[in-house]
Amino acid sequence: MQKKESNAKRTIEFLKWIQKYSGWWHLICTPNDPHMNLNMMKMLLERLYRESFYEIIFVLLTVHKNQPFMNNFSEYFLLSSMIEYWDEDKERIIQSMIEYLE
């Protein structure tokens, strides 16, 4: 029961955030919005991180994946992650690649 209460509380916090920052919410959800630029993306990432709205960070990145400043974003993070975790977890990384291709 406590998890449901916690989820409900978190949902209310998020809805209040949307209400308070409706312009940002619109921007997060609207692909090709003319107000979206590199500085706005960075600011939104920081704000969402500060509020622990981690799931919405993925929404933001996905909605705006075709923005020019997002070119090579996925490739950069893939390579960075592989560099960081290769020594300790290369078997799992390779296995995940194989499973994805099946």
PDB file of N, CA and C in Angstrom:
ATOM      1  N   MET A   1       0.827  -1.192   0.000  1.00  0.00           N
ATOM      2  CA  MET A   1       0.000   0.000   0.000  1.00  0.00           C
ATOM      3  C   MET A   1       0.872   1.255   0.000  1.00  0.00           C
ATOM      4  N   GLN A   2       2.012   1.200   0.654  1.00  0.00           N
ATOM      5  CA  GLN A   2       2.868   2.374   0.755  1.00  0.00           C
ATOM      6  C   GLN A   2       3.402   2.798  -0.613  1.00  0.00           C
ATOM      7  N   LYS A   3       3.680   1.830  -1.503  1.00  0.00           N
ATOM      8  CA  LYS A   3       4.171   2.157  -2.831  1.00  0.00           C
ATOM      9  C   LYS A   3       3.115   2.920  -3.619  1.00  0.00           C
ATOM     10  N   LYS A   4       1.846   2.498  -3.512  1.00  0.00           N
ATOM     11  CA  LYS A   4       0.770   3.198  -4.204  1.00  0.00           C
ATOM     12  C   LYS A   4       0.641   4.630  -3.692  1.00  0.00           C
ATOM     13  N   GLU A   5       0.747   4.796  -2.385  1.00  0.00           N
ATOM     14  CA  GLU A   5       0.680   6.136  -1.801  1.00  0.00           C
ATOM     15  C   GLU A   5       1.843   6.980  -2.273  1.00  0.00           C
ATOM     16  N   SER A   6       3.030   6.381  -2.341  1.00  0.00           N
ATOM     17  CA  SER A   6       4.207   7.088  -2.807  1.00  0.00           C
ATOM     18  C   SER A   6       4.059   7.484  -4.272  1.00  0.00           C
ATOM     19  N   ASN A   7       3.541   6.558  -5.100  1.00  0.00           N
ATOM     20  CA  ASN A   7       3.312   6.861  -6.511  1.00  0.00           C
ATOM     21  C   ASN A   7       2.288   7.972  -6.676  1.00  0.00           C
ATOM     22  N   ALA A   8       1.229   7.913  -5.895  1.00  0.00           N
ATOM     23  CA  ALA A   8       0.192   8.937  -5.966  1.00  0.00           C
ATOM     24  C   ALA A   8       0.754  10.298  -5.569  1.00  0.00           C
ATOM     25  N   LYS A   9       1.552  10.329  -4.538  1.00  0.00           N
ATOM     26  CA  LYS A   9       2.171  11.582  -4.087  1.00  0.00           C
ATOM     27  C   LYS A   9       3.078  12.143  -5.172  1.00  0.00           C
ATOM     28  N   ARG A  10       3.851  11.269  -5.786  1.00  0.00           N
ATOM     29  CA  ARG A  10       4.776  11.695  -6.838  1.00  0.00           C
ATOM     30  C   ARG A  10       4.014  12.210  -8.056  1.00  0.00           C
ATOM     31  N   THR A  11       2.897  11.555  -8.379  1.00  0.00           N
ATOM     32  CA  THR A  11       2.071  12.004  -9.494  1.00  0.00           C
ATOM     33  C   THR A  11       1.515  13.394  -9.228  1.00  0.00           C
ATOM     34  N   ILE A  12       1.058  13.627  -8.017  1.00  0.00           N
ATOM     35  CA  ILE A  12       0.528  14.941  -7.657  1.00  0.00           C
ATOM     36  C   ILE A  12       1.625  15.995  -7.747  1.00  0.00           C
ATOM     37  N   GLU A  13       2.827  15.659  -7.273  1.00  0.00           N
ATOM     38  CA  GLU A  13       3.955  16.595  -7.387  1.00  0.00           C
ATOM     39  C   GLU A  13       4.223  16.941  -8.850  1.00  0.00           C
ATOM     40  N   PHE A  14       4.190  15.926  -9.702  1.00  0.00           N
ATOM     41  CA  PHE A  14       4.442  16.147 -11.113  1.00  0.00           C
ATOM     42  C   PHE A  14       3.342  17.003 -11.746  1.00  0.00           C
ATOM     43  N   LEU A  15       2.095  16.716 -11.430  1.00  0.00           N
ATOM     44  CA  LEU A  15       0.987  17.505 -11.982  1.00  0.00           C
ATOM     45  C   LEU A  15       1.068  18.961 -11.527  1.00  0.00           C
ATOM     46  N   LYS A  16       1.470  19.186 -10.293  1.00  0.00           N
ATOM     47  CA  LYS A  16       1.661  20.557  -9.807  1.00  0.00           C
ATOM     48  C   LYS A  16       2.798  21.238 -10.572  1.00  0.00           C
ATOM     49  N   TRP A  17       3.852  20.482 -10.869  1.00  0.00           N
ATOM     50  CA  TRP A  17       4.975  21.031 -11.637  1.00  0.00           C
ATOM     51  C   TRP A  17       4.491  21.432 -13.028  1.00  0.00           C
ATOM     52  N   ILE A  18       3.690  20.569 -13.666  1.00  0.00           N
ATOM     53  CA  ILE A  18       3.144  20.884 -14.986  1.00  0.00           C
ATOM     54  C   ILE A  18       2.292  22.146 -14.912  1.00  0.00           C
ATOM     55  N   GLN A  19       1.486  22.242 -13.879  1.00  0.00           N
ATOM     56  CA  GLN A  19       0.632  23.421 -13.714  1.00  0.00           C
ATOM     57  C   GLN A  19       1.473  24.684 -13.556  1.00  0.00           C
ATOM     58  N   LYS A  20       2.521  24.606 -12.763  1.00  0.00           N
ATOM     59  CA  LYS A  20       3.379  25.762 -12.500  1.00  0.00           C
ATOM     60  C   LYS A  20       4.214  26.127 -13.724  1.00  0.00           C
ATOM     61  N   TYR A  21       4.663  25.130 -14.459  1.00  0.00           N
ATOM     62  CA  TYR A  21       5.548  25.353 -15.606  1.00  0.00           C
ATOM     63  C   TYR A  21       4.903  24.842 -16.899  1.00  0.00           C
ATOM     64  N   SER A  22       3.690  25.272 -17.158  1.00  0.00           N
ATOM     65  CA  SER A  22       2.942  24.770 -18.316  1.00  0.00           C
ATOM     66  C   SER A  22       3.651  25.073 -19.635  1.00  0.00           C
ATOM     67  N   GLY A  23       4.345  26.186 -19.708  1.00  0.00           N
ATOM     68  CA  GLY A  23       5.094  26.508 -20.930  1.00  0.00           C
ATOM     69  C   GLY A  23       6.225  25.530 -21.171  1.00  0.00           C
ATOM     70  N   TRP A  24       6.918  25.175 -20.114  1.00  0.00           N
ATOM     71  CA  TRP A  24       7.996  24.187 -20.252  1.00  0.00           C
ATOM     72  C   TRP A  24       7.419  22.832 -20.626  1.00  0.00           C
ATOM     73  N   TRP A  25       6.293  22.469 -20.018  1.00  0.00           N
ATOM     74  CA  TRP A  25       5.665  21.188 -20.325  1.00  0.00           C
ATOM     75  C   TRP A  25       5.286  21.137 -21.802  1.00  0.00           C
ATOM     76  N   HIS A  26       4.711  22.222 -22.295  1.00  0.00           N
ATOM     77  CA  HIS A  26       4.362  22.293 -23.710  1.00  0.00           C
ATOM     78  C   HIS A  26       5.622  22.116 -24.566  1.00  0.00           C
ATOM     79  N   LEU A  27       6.680  22.782 -24.195  1.00  0.00           N
ATOM     80  CA  LEU A  27       7.942  22.693 -24.936  1.00  0.00           C
ATOM     81  C   LEU A  27       8.510  21.274 -24.894  1.00  0.00           C
ATOM     82  N   ILE A  28       8.451  20.633 -23.740  1.00  0.00           N
ATOM     83  CA  ILE A  28       8.941  19.253 -23.603  1.00  0.00           C
ATOM     84  C   ILE A  28       8.197  18.328 -24.556  1.00  0.00           C
ATOM     85  N   CYS A  29       6.918  18.539 -24.721  1.00  0.00           N
ATOM     86  CA  CYS A  29       6.066  17.615 -25.474  1.00  0.00           C
ATOM     87  C   CYS A  29       5.869  17.978 -26.941  1.00  0.00           C
ATOM     88  N   THR A  30       6.423  19.086 -27.400  1.00  0.00           N
ATOM     89  CA  THR A  30       6.149  19.565 -28.757  1.00  0.00           C
ATOM     90  C   THR A  30       7.389  19.472 -29.632  1.00  0.00           C
ATOM     91  N   PRO A  31       7.414  18.497 -30.543  1.00  0.00           N
ATOM     92  CA  PRO A  31       8.555  18.394 -31.450  1.00  0.00           C
ATOM     93  C   PRO A  31       8.628  19.612 -32.372  1.00  0.00           C
ATOM     94  N   ASN A  32       9.834  19.988 -32.708  1.00  0.00           N
ATOM     95  CA  ASN A  32      10.089  21.094 -33.647  1.00  0.00           C
ATOM     96  C   ASN A  32       9.578  22.447 -33.170  1.00  0.00           C
ATOM     97  N   ASP A  33       9.390  22.594 -31.869  1.00  0.00           N
ATOM     98  CA  ASP A  33       8.987  23.897 -31.343  1.00  0.00           C
ATOM     99  C   ASP A  33      10.111  24.893 -31.625  1.00  0.00           C
ATOM    100  N   PRO A  34       9.786  26.069 -32.149  1.00  0.00           N
ATOM    101  CA  PRO A  34      10.839  27.031 -32.488  1.00  0.00           C
ATOM    102  C   PRO A  34      11.609  27.570 -31.278  1.00  0.00           C
ATOM    103  N   HIS A  35      11.062  27.395 -30.075  1.00  0.00           N
ATOM    104  CA  HIS A  35      11.745  27.879 -28.879  1.00  0.00           C
ATOM    105  C   HIS A  35      12.768  26.881 -28.333  1.00  0.00           C
ATOM    106  N   MET A  36      12.773  25.667 -28.877  1.00  0.00           N
ATOM    107  CA  MET A  36      13.717  24.664 -28.394  1.00  0.00           C
ATOM    108  C   MET A  36      15.081  24.910 -29.051  1.00  0.00           C
ATOM    109  N   ASN A  37      16.073  25.046 -28.202  1.00  0.00           N
ATOM    110  CA  ASN A  37      17.442  25.200 -28.666  1.00  0.00           C
ATOM    111  C   ASN A  37      18.365  24.538 -27.650  1.00  0.00           C
ATOM    112  N   LEU A  38      19.634  24.590 -27.901  1.00  0.00           N
ATOM    113  CA  LEU A  38      20.595  23.919 -27.026  1.00  0.00           C
ATOM    114  C   LEU A  38      20.510  24.424 -25.586  1.00  0.00           C
ATOM    115  N   ASN A  39      20.446  25.717 -25.393  1.00  0.00           N
ATOM    116  CA  ASN A  39      20.376  26.269 -24.034  1.00  0.00           C
ATOM    117  C   ASN A  39      19.092  25.868 -23.321  1.00  0.00           C
ATOM    118  N   MET A  40      17.978  25.855 -24.063  1.00  0.00           N
ATOM    119  CA  MET A  40      16.701  25.444 -23.464  1.00  0.00           C
ATOM    120  C   MET A  40      16.753  23.972 -23.082  1.00  0.00           C
ATOM    121  N   MET A  41      17.333  23.135 -23.941  1.00  0.00           N
ATOM    122  CA  MET A  41      17.460  21.704 -23.643  1.00  0.00           C
ATOM    123  C   MET A  41      18.267  21.504 -22.368  1.00  0.00           C
ATOM    124  N   LYS A  42      19.386  22.194 -22.257  1.00  0.00           N
ATOM    125  CA  LYS A  42      20.227  22.062 -21.063  1.00  0.00           C
ATOM    126  C   LYS A  42      19.470  22.505 -19.816  1.00  0.00           C
ATOM    127  N   MET A  43      18.754  23.620 -19.907  1.00  0.00           N
ATOM    128  CA  MET A  43      18.005  24.123 -18.756  1.00  0.00           C
ATOM    129  C   MET A  43      16.906  23.137 -18.349  1.00  0.00           C
ATOM    130  N   LEU A  44      16.190  22.597 -19.323  1.00  0.00           N
ATOM    131  CA  LEU A  44      15.129  21.637 -19.006  1.00  0.00           C
ATOM    132  C   LEU A  44      15.698  20.365 -18.393  1.00  0.00           C
ATOM    133  N   LEU A  45      16.808  19.879 -18.935  1.00  0.00           N
ATOM    134  CA  LEU A  45      17.460  18.702 -18.343  1.00  0.00           C
ATOM    135  C   LEU A  45      17.828  18.960 -16.886  1.00  0.00           C
ATOM    136  N   GLU A  46      18.407  20.113 -16.618  1.00  0.00           N
ATOM    137  CA  GLU A  46      18.787  20.458 -15.244  1.00  0.00           C
ATOM    138  C   GLU A  46      17.576  20.537 -14.334  1.00  0.00           C
ATOM    139  N   ARG A  47      16.499  21.167 -14.799  1.00  0.00           N
ATOM    140  CA  ARG A  47      15.293  21.311 -13.984  1.00  0.00           C
ATOM    141  C   ARG A  47      14.644  19.954 -13.697  1.00  0.00           C
ATOM    142  N   LEU A  48      14.531  19.140 -14.729  1.00  0.00           N
ATOM    143  CA  LEU A  48      13.921  17.816 -14.537  1.00  0.00           C
ATOM    144  C   LEU A  48      14.771  16.967 -13.603  1.00  0.00           C
ATOM    145  N   TYR A  49      16.077  17.051 -13.739  1.00  0.00           N
ATOM    146  CA  TYR A  49      16.977  16.315 -12.852  1.00  0.00           C
ATOM    147  C   TYR A  49      16.826  16.805 -11.416  1.00  0.00           C
ATOM    148  N   ARG A  50      16.780  18.096 -11.229  1.00  0.00           N
ATOM    149  CA  ARG A  50      16.645  18.683  -9.889  1.00  0.00           C
ATOM    150  C   ARG A  50      15.357  18.233  -9.211  1.00  0.00           C
ATOM    151  N   GLU A  51      14.293  18.057  -9.998  1.00  0.00           N
ATOM    152  CA  GLU A  51      13.006  17.622  -9.457  1.00  0.00           C
ATOM    153  C   GLU A  51      12.887  16.098  -9.398  1.00  0.00           C
ATOM    154  N   SER A  52      13.905  15.394  -9.870  1.00  0.00           N
ATOM    155  CA  SER A  52      13.914  13.921  -9.945  1.00  0.00           C
ATOM    156  C   SER A  52      12.823  13.378 -10.870  1.00  0.00           C
ATOM    157  N   PHE A  53      12.501  14.110 -11.918  1.00  0.00           N
ATOM    158  CA  PHE A  53      11.556  13.650 -12.934  1.00  0.00           C
ATOM    159  C   PHE A  53      12.337  12.953 -14.044  1.00  0.00           C
ATOM    160  N   TYR A  54      12.974  11.870 -13.677  1.00  0.00           N
ATOM    161  CA  TYR A  54      13.884  11.179 -14.585  1.00  0.00           C
ATOM    162  C   TYR A  54      13.174  10.633 -15.819  1.00  0.00           C
ATOM    163  N   GLU A  55      11.985  10.114 -15.656  1.00  0.00           N
ATOM    164  CA  GLU A  55      11.265   9.547 -16.796  1.00  0.00           C
ATOM    165  C   GLU A  55      10.998  10.604 -17.851  1.00  0.00           C
ATOM    166  N   ILE A  56      10.726  11.825 -17.417  1.00  0.00           N
ATOM    167  CA  ILE A  56      10.408  12.897 -18.350  1.00  0.00           C
ATOM    168  C   ILE A  56      11.659  13.336 -19.115  1.00  0.00           C
ATOM    169  N   ILE A  57      12.833  13.120 -18.539  1.00  0.00           N
ATOM    170  CA  ILE A  57      14.067  13.396 -19.285  1.00  0.00           C
ATOM    171  C   ILE A  57      14.091  12.555 -20.560  1.00  0.00           C
ATOM    172  N   PHE A  58      13.682  11.284 -20.462  1.00  0.00           N
ATOM    173  CA  PHE A  58      13.664  10.430 -21.647  1.00  0.00           C
ATOM    174  C   PHE A  58      12.608  10.892 -22.646  1.00  0.00           C
ATOM    175  N   VAL A  59      11.482  11.392 -22.150  1.00  0.00           N
ATOM    176  CA  VAL A  59      10.466  11.956 -23.040  1.00  0.00           C
ATOM    177  C   VAL A  59      11.061  13.158 -23.776  1.00  0.00           C
ATOM    178  N   LEU A  60      11.693  14.056 -23.037  1.00  0.00           N
ATOM    179  CA  LEU A  60      12.306  15.245 -23.623  1.00  0.00           C
ATOM    180  C   LEU A  60      13.310  14.875 -24.714  1.00  0.00           C
ATOM    181  N   LEU A  61      14.199  13.945 -24.412  1.00  0.00           N
ATOM    182  CA  LEU A  61      15.228  13.547 -25.373  1.00  0.00           C
ATOM    183  C   LEU A  61      14.624  12.880 -26.605  1.00  0.00           C
ATOM    184  N   THR A  62      13.583  12.095 -26.409  1.00  0.00           N
ATOM    185  CA  THR A  62      12.952  11.408 -27.529  1.00  0.00           C
ATOM    186  C   THR A  62      12.172  12.375 -28.408  1.00  0.00           C
ATOM    187  N   VAL A  63      11.413  13.260 -27.790  1.00  0.00           N
ATOM    188  CA  VAL A  63      10.602  14.212 -28.558  1.00  0.00           C
ATOM    189  C   VAL A  63      11.485  15.109 -29.419  1.00  0.00           C
ATOM    190  N   HIS A  64      12.646  15.452 -28.906  1.00  0.00           N
ATOM    191  CA  HIS A  64      13.512  16.415 -29.606  1.00  0.00           C
ATOM    192  C   HIS A  64      14.745  15.770 -30.241  1.00  0.00           C
ATOM    193  N   LYS A  65      14.663  14.478 -30.504  1.00  0.00           N
ATOM    194  CA  LYS A  65      15.810  13.753 -31.048  1.00  0.00           C
ATOM    195  C   LYS A  65      16.222  14.228 -32.431  1.00  0.00           C
ATOM    196  N   ASN A  66      15.352  14.885 -33.161  1.00  0.00           N
ATOM    197  CA  ASN A  66      15.674  15.342 -34.513  1.00  0.00           C
ATOM    198  C   ASN A  66      16.171  16.785 -34.577  1.00  0.00           C
ATOM    199  N   GLN A  67      16.312  17.405 -33.419  1.00  0.00           N
ATOM    200  CA  GLN A  67      16.863  18.759 -33.408  1.00  0.00           C
ATOM    201  C   GLN A  67      18.335  18.717 -33.840  1.00  0.00           C
ATOM    202  N   PRO A  68      18.791  19.717 -34.575  1.00  0.00           N
ATOM    203  CA  PRO A  68      20.182  19.699 -35.040  1.00  0.00           C
ATOM    204  C   PRO A  68      21.210  19.534 -33.918  1.00  0.00           C
ATOM    205  N   PHE A  69      20.955  20.130 -32.764  1.00  0.00           N
ATOM    206  CA  PHE A  69      21.918  20.025 -31.671  1.00  0.00           C
ATOM    207  C   PHE A  69      21.942  18.636 -31.031  1.00  0.00           C
ATOM    208  N   MET A  70      20.993  17.778 -31.419  1.00  0.00           N
ATOM    209  CA  MET A  70      20.958  16.415 -30.892  1.00  0.00           C
ATOM    210  C   MET A  70      21.658  15.411 -31.808  1.00  0.00           C
ATOM    211  N   ASN A  71      22.201  15.900 -32.930  1.00  0.00           N
ATOM    212  CA  ASN A  71      22.953  15.007 -33.814  1.00  0.00           C
ATOM    213  C   ASN A  71      24.055  14.308 -33.025  1.00  0.00           C
ATOM    214  N   ASN A  72      24.163  13.027 -33.206  1.00  0.00           N
ATOM    215  CA  ASN A  72      25.201  12.199 -32.577  1.00  0.00           C
ATOM    216  C   ASN A  72      25.034  12.026 -31.072  1.00  0.00           C
ATOM    217  N   PHE A  73      23.944  12.478 -30.509  1.00  0.00           N
ATOM    218  CA  PHE A  73      23.723  12.370 -29.066  1.00  0.00           C
ATOM    219  C   PHE A  73      23.746  10.915 -28.608  1.00  0.00           C
ATOM    220  N   SER A  74      22.958  10.075 -29.266  1.00  0.00           N
ATOM    221  CA  SER A  74      22.894   8.657 -28.878  1.00  0.00           C
ATOM    222  C   SER A  74      24.235   7.968 -29.071  1.00  0.00           C
ATOM    223  N   GLU A  75      24.880   8.256 -30.182  1.00  0.00           N
ATOM    224  CA  GLU A  75      26.177   7.639 -30.455  1.00  0.00           C
ATOM    225  C   GLU A  75      27.206   8.028 -29.399  1.00  0.00           C
ATOM    226  N   TYR A  76      27.179   9.304 -29.005  1.00  0.00           N
ATOM    227  CA  TYR A  76      28.107   9.780 -27.991  1.00  0.00           C
ATOM    228  C   TYR A  76      27.913   9.020 -26.678  1.00  0.00           C
ATOM    229  N   PHE A  77      26.657   8.880 -26.249  1.00  0.00           N
ATOM    230  CA  PHE A  77      26.409   8.209 -24.976  1.00  0.00           C
ATOM    231  C   PHE A  77      26.633   6.711 -25.048  1.00  0.00           C
ATOM    232  N   LEU A  78      26.373   6.126 -26.183  1.00  0.00           N
ATOM    233  CA  LEU A  78      26.692   4.711 -26.357  1.00  0.00           C
ATOM    234  C   LEU A  78      28.196   4.496 -26.197  1.00  0.00           C
ATOM    235  N   LEU A  79      28.985   5.279 -26.904  1.00  0.00           N
ATOM    236  CA  LEU A  79      30.441   5.122 -26.812  1.00  0.00           C
ATOM    237  C   LEU A  79      30.962   5.460 -25.417  1.00  0.00           C
ATOM    238  N   SER A  80      30.441   6.497 -24.822  1.00  0.00           N
ATOM    239  CA  SER A  80      30.874   6.867 -23.464  1.00  0.00           C
ATOM    240  C   SER A  80      30.581   5.745 -22.476  1.00  0.00           C
ATOM    241  N   SER A  81      29.395   5.169 -22.584  1.00  0.00           N
ATOM    242  CA  SER A  81      29.026   4.075 -21.680  1.00  0.00           C
ATOM    243  C   SER A  81      29.898   2.849 -21.912  1.00  0.00           C
ATOM    244  N   MET A  82      30.139   2.547 -23.171  1.00  0.00           N
ATOM    245  CA  MET A  82      30.982   1.389 -23.457  1.00  0.00           C
ATOM    246  C   MET A  82      32.403   1.598 -22.936  1.00  0.00           C
ATOM    247  N   ILE A  83      32.922   2.781 -23.093  1.00  0.00           N
ATOM    248  CA  ILE A  83      34.261   3.082 -22.579  1.00  0.00           C
ATOM    249  C   ILE A  83      34.295   2.921 -21.062  1.00  0.00           C
ATOM    250  N   GLU A  84      33.275   3.440 -20.403  1.00  0.00           N
ATOM    251  CA  GLU A  84      33.246   3.410 -18.942  1.00  0.00           C
ATOM    252  C   GLU A  84      33.065   1.996 -18.383  1.00  0.00           C
ATOM    253  N   TYR A  85      32.238   1.177 -19.036  1.00  0.00           N
ATOM    254  CA  TYR A  85      31.870  -0.116 -18.457  1.00  0.00           C
ATOM    255  C   TYR A  85      32.494  -1.328 -19.149  1.00  0.00           C
ATOM    256  N   TRP A  86      33.253  -1.128 -20.195  1.00  0.00           N
ATOM    257  CA  TRP A  86      33.768  -2.246 -20.981  1.00  0.00           C
ATOM    258  C   TRP A  86      34.557  -3.234 -20.139  1.00  0.00           C
ATOM    259  N   ASP A  87      35.529  -2.768 -19.385  1.00  0.00           N
ATOM    260  CA  ASP A  87      36.386  -3.676 -18.618  1.00  0.00           C
ATOM    261  C   ASP A  87      35.608  -4.540 -17.637  1.00  0.00           C
ATOM    262  N   GLU A  88      34.630  -3.960 -16.987  1.00  0.00           N
ATOM    263  CA  GLU A  88      33.909  -4.697 -15.948  1.00  0.00           C
ATOM    264  C   GLU A  88      32.692  -5.457 -16.459  1.00  0.00           C
ATOM    265  N   ASP A  89      32.212  -5.151 -17.671  1.00  0.00           N
ATOM    266  CA  ASP A  89      30.935  -5.733 -18.079  1.00  0.00           C
ATOM    267  C   ASP A  89      30.842  -6.024 -19.575  1.00  0.00           C
ATOM    268  N   LYS A  90      31.959  -6.300 -20.222  1.00  0.00           N
ATOM    269  CA  LYS A  90      31.932  -6.497 -21.674  1.00  0.00           C
ATOM    270  C   LYS A  90      31.090  -7.688 -22.104  1.00  0.00           C
ATOM    271  N   GLU A  91      31.059  -8.754 -21.296  1.00  0.00           N
ATOM    272  CA  GLU A  91      30.252  -9.919 -21.659  1.00  0.00           C
ATOM    273  C   GLU A  91      28.766  -9.556 -21.738  1.00  0.00           C
ATOM    274  N   ARG A  92      28.296  -8.808 -20.745  1.00  0.00           N
ATOM    275  CA  ARG A  92      26.888  -8.389 -20.740  1.00  0.00           C
ATOM    276  C   ARG A  92      26.596  -7.434 -21.893  1.00  0.00           C
ATOM    277  N   ILE A  93      27.515  -6.547 -22.193  1.00  0.00           N
ATOM    278  CA  ILE A  93      27.334  -5.609 -23.297  1.00  0.00           C
ATOM    279  C   ILE A  93      27.201  -6.362 -24.619  1.00  0.00           C
ATOM    280  N   ILE A  94      28.123  -7.282 -24.871  1.00  0.00           N
ATOM    281  CA  ILE A  94      28.084  -8.052 -26.112  1.00  0.00           C
ATOM    282  C   ILE A  94      26.829  -8.915 -26.166  1.00  0.00           C
ATOM    283  N   GLN A  95      26.482  -9.550 -25.052  1.00  0.00           N
ATOM    284  CA  GLN A  95      25.269 -10.381 -25.022  1.00  0.00           C
ATOM    285  C   GLN A  95      24.030  -9.544 -25.310  1.00  0.00           C
ATOM    286  N   SER A  96      23.969  -8.338 -24.788  1.00  0.00           N
ATOM    287  CA  SER A  96      22.827  -7.462 -25.052  1.00  0.00           C
ATOM    288  C   SER A  96      22.746  -7.103 -26.537  1.00  0.00           C
ATOM    289  N   MET A  97      23.900  -6.877 -27.150  1.00  0.00           N
ATOM    290  CA  MET A  97      23.921  -6.592 -28.592  1.00  0.00           C
ATOM    291  C   MET A  97      23.382  -7.774 -29.384  1.00  0.00           C
ATOM    292  N   ILE A  98      23.829  -8.962 -29.027  1.00  0.00           N
ATOM    293  CA  ILE A  98      23.389 -10.180 -29.722  1.00  0.00           C
ATOM    294  C   ILE A  98      21.886 -10.372 -29.541  1.00  0.00           C
ATOM    295  N   GLU A  99      21.393 -10.213 -28.328  1.00  0.00           N
ATOM    296  CA  GLU A  99      19.962 -10.375 -28.060  1.00  0.00           C
ATOM    297  C   GLU A  99      19.131  -9.363 -28.829  1.00  0.00           C
ATOM    298  N   TYR A 100      19.628  -8.150 -28.928  1.00  0.00           N
ATOM    299  CA  TYR A 100      18.891  -7.132 -29.680  1.00  0.00           C
ATOM    300  C   TYR A 100      18.768  -7.525 -31.144  1.00  0.00           C
ATOM    301  N   LEU A 101      19.800  -8.117 -31.703  1.00  0.00           N
ATOM    302  CA  LEU A 101      19.816  -8.476 -33.110  1.00  0.00           C
ATOM    303  C   LEU A 101      19.067  -9.772 -33.426  1.00  0.00           C
ATOM    304  N   GLU A 102      18.635 -10.498 -32.414  1.00  0.00           N
ATOM    305  CA  GLU A 102      17.910 -11.756 -32.656  1.00  0.00           C
ATOM    306  C   GLU A 102      16.497 -11.513 -33.118  1.00  0.00           C
TER     307      GLU A 102
END
